[in-house]
Amino acid sequence: MPIAVFLVDETIRLSELKLKDRRDRVLEFHDICQYQKVIVALTATARLIAEIDKTAVEGSGKFKTDSSVHA
């Protein structure tokens, strides 16, 4: 499993555990804002992983490199 996918899965699991621990308590505004930030970050990460995977597939499983970057 790629490390990025592992990190996303682990973050989701930890967020679920934290919410379960707070099951009988009311979430404060600050808590809700923090969870929203986590969800935004996970969504962006998932999108970037998909773009990287697409690039890798288009390049026959090898990552494309730009020779101008290695100046």
C-alpha atoms as a PDB file:
ATOM      1  CA  MET A   1       0.000   0.000   0.000  1.00  0.00           C
ATOM      2  CA  PRO A   2       1.439   3.403  -0.935  1.00  0.00           C
ATOM      3  CA  ILE A   3       2.353   5.546   2.056  1.00  0.00           C
ATOM      4  CA  ALA A   4      -0.040   8.364   1.083  1.00  0.00           C
ATOM      5  CA  VAL A   5      -3.000   5.980   0.990  1.00  0.00           C
ATOM      6  CA  PHE A   6      -1.934   4.505   4.328  1.00  0.00           C
ATOM      7  CA  LEU A   7      -1.748   7.963   5.910  1.00  0.00           C
ATOM      8  CA  VAL A   8      -5.207   8.921   4.628  1.00  0.00           C
ATOM      9  CA  ASP A   9      -6.702   5.641   5.870  1.00  0.00           C
ATOM     10  CA  GLU A  10      -5.020   6.039   9.252  1.00  0.00           C
ATOM     11  CA  THR A  11      -6.236   9.627   9.610  1.00  0.00           C
ATOM     12  CA  ILE A  12      -9.799   8.572   8.826  1.00  0.00           C
ATOM     13  CA  ARG A  13      -9.582   5.732  11.362  1.00  0.00           C
ATOM     14  CA  LEU A  14      -8.241   8.022  14.088  1.00  0.00           C
ATOM     15  CA  SER A  15     -10.933  10.618  13.375  1.00  0.00           C
ATOM     16  CA  GLU A  16     -13.629   7.959  13.674  1.00  0.00           C
ATOM     17  CA  LEU A  17     -12.179   6.779  16.982  1.00  0.00           C
ATOM     18  CA  LYS A  18     -12.113  10.314  18.354  1.00  0.00           C
ATOM     19  CA  LEU A  19     -15.745  10.855  17.364  1.00  0.00           C
ATOM     20  CA  LYS A  20     -16.768   7.544  18.976  1.00  0.00           C
ATOM     21  CA  ASP A  21     -15.027   8.596  22.200  1.00  0.00           C
ATOM     22  CA  ARG A  22     -17.155  11.755  22.192  1.00  0.00           C
ATOM     23  CA  ARG A  23     -20.400   9.924  21.442  1.00  0.00           C
ATOM     24  CA  ASP A  24     -22.250  11.148  24.566  1.00  0.00           C
ATOM     25  CA  ARG A  25     -20.842  14.690  24.431  1.00  0.00           C
ATOM     26  CA  VAL A  26     -21.851  17.680  22.367  1.00  0.00           C
ATOM     27  CA  LEU A  27     -19.328  18.793  19.766  1.00  0.00           C
ATOM     28  CA  GLU A  28     -18.354  22.405  20.244  1.00  0.00           C
ATOM     29  CA  PHE A  29     -18.007  24.827  17.340  1.00  0.00           C
ATOM     30  CA  HIS A  30     -14.200  24.532  17.500  1.00  0.00           C
ATOM     31  CA  ASP A  31     -14.421  20.713  17.258  1.00  0.00           C
ATOM     32  CA  ILE A  32     -16.669  20.914  14.210  1.00  0.00           C
ATOM     33  CA  CYS A  33     -14.280  23.365  12.535  1.00  0.00           C
ATOM     34  CA  GLN A  34     -11.343  21.022  13.192  1.00  0.00           C
ATOM     35  CA  TYR A  35     -13.179  18.043  11.661  1.00  0.00           C
ATOM     36  CA  GLN A  36     -14.105  20.139   8.629  1.00  0.00           C
ATOM     37  CA  LYS A  37     -10.432  21.010   8.133  1.00  0.00           C
ATOM     38  CA  VAL A  38      -9.487  17.327   8.357  1.00  0.00           C
ATOM     39  CA  ILE A  39     -12.129  16.403   5.768  1.00  0.00           C
ATOM     40  CA  VAL A  40     -10.954  19.166   3.404  1.00  0.00           C
ATOM     41  CA  ALA A  41      -7.351  17.979   3.750  1.00  0.00           C
ATOM     42  CA  LEU A  42      -8.326  14.334   3.162  1.00  0.00           C
ATOM     43  CA  THR A  43     -10.376  15.280   0.107  1.00  0.00           C
ATOM     44  CA  ALA A  44      -7.481  17.267  -1.358  1.00  0.00           C
ATOM     45  CA  THR A  45      -5.050  14.437  -0.600  1.00  0.00           C
ATOM     46  CA  ALA A  46      -7.312  11.863  -2.268  1.00  0.00           C
ATOM     47  CA  ARG A  47      -7.586  14.094  -5.352  1.00  0.00           C
ATOM     48  CA  LEU A  48      -3.802  14.497  -5.553  1.00  0.00           C
ATOM     49  CA  ILE A  49      -3.249  10.744  -5.145  1.00  0.00           C
ATOM     50  CA  ALA A  50      -5.695  10.125  -8.012  1.00  0.00           C
ATOM     51  CA  GLU A  51      -3.809  12.613 -10.220  1.00  0.00           C
ATOM     52  CA  ILE A  52      -0.475  10.973  -9.393  1.00  0.00           C
ATOM     53  CA  ASP A  53      -1.877   7.514 -10.103  1.00  0.00           C
ATOM     54  CA  LYS A  54      -3.307   8.724 -13.422  1.00  0.00           C
ATOM     55  CA  THR A  55       0.074  10.171 -14.411  1.00  0.00           C
ATOM     56  CA  ALA A  56       1.816   6.927 -13.465  1.00  0.00           C
ATOM     57  CA  VAL A  57      -0.618   4.861 -15.543  1.00  0.00           C
ATOM     58  CA  GLU A  58      -0.288   7.161 -18.545  1.00  0.00           C
ATOM     59  CA  GLY A  59       3.469   6.734 -18.374  1.00  0.00           C
ATOM     60  CA  SER A  60       3.202   2.915 -18.474  1.00  0.00           C
ATOM     61  CA  GLY A  61       3.670   2.626 -14.745  1.00  0.00           C
ATOM     62  CA  LYS A  62       6.685   4.892 -14.643  1.00  0.00           C
ATOM     63  CA  PHE A  63       6.556   8.464 -13.455  1.00  0.00           C
ATOM     64  CA  LYS A  64       7.184  11.043 -16.128  1.00  0.00           C
ATOM     65  CA  THR A  65      10.053  13.422 -15.526  1.00  0.00           C
ATOM     66  CA  ASP A  66      10.669  16.824 -16.971  1.00  0.00           C
ATOM     67  CA  SER A  67      14.310  17.168 -18.035  1.00  0.00           C
ATOM     68  CA  SER A  68      14.091  20.959 -17.714  1.00  0.00           C
ATOM     69  CA  VAL A  69      13.623  20.569 -13.940  1.00  0.00           C
ATOM     70  CA  HIS A  70      17.106  19.046 -13.637  1.00  0.00           C
ATOM     71  CA  ALA A  71      18.911  22.185 -14.790  1.00  0.00           C
END
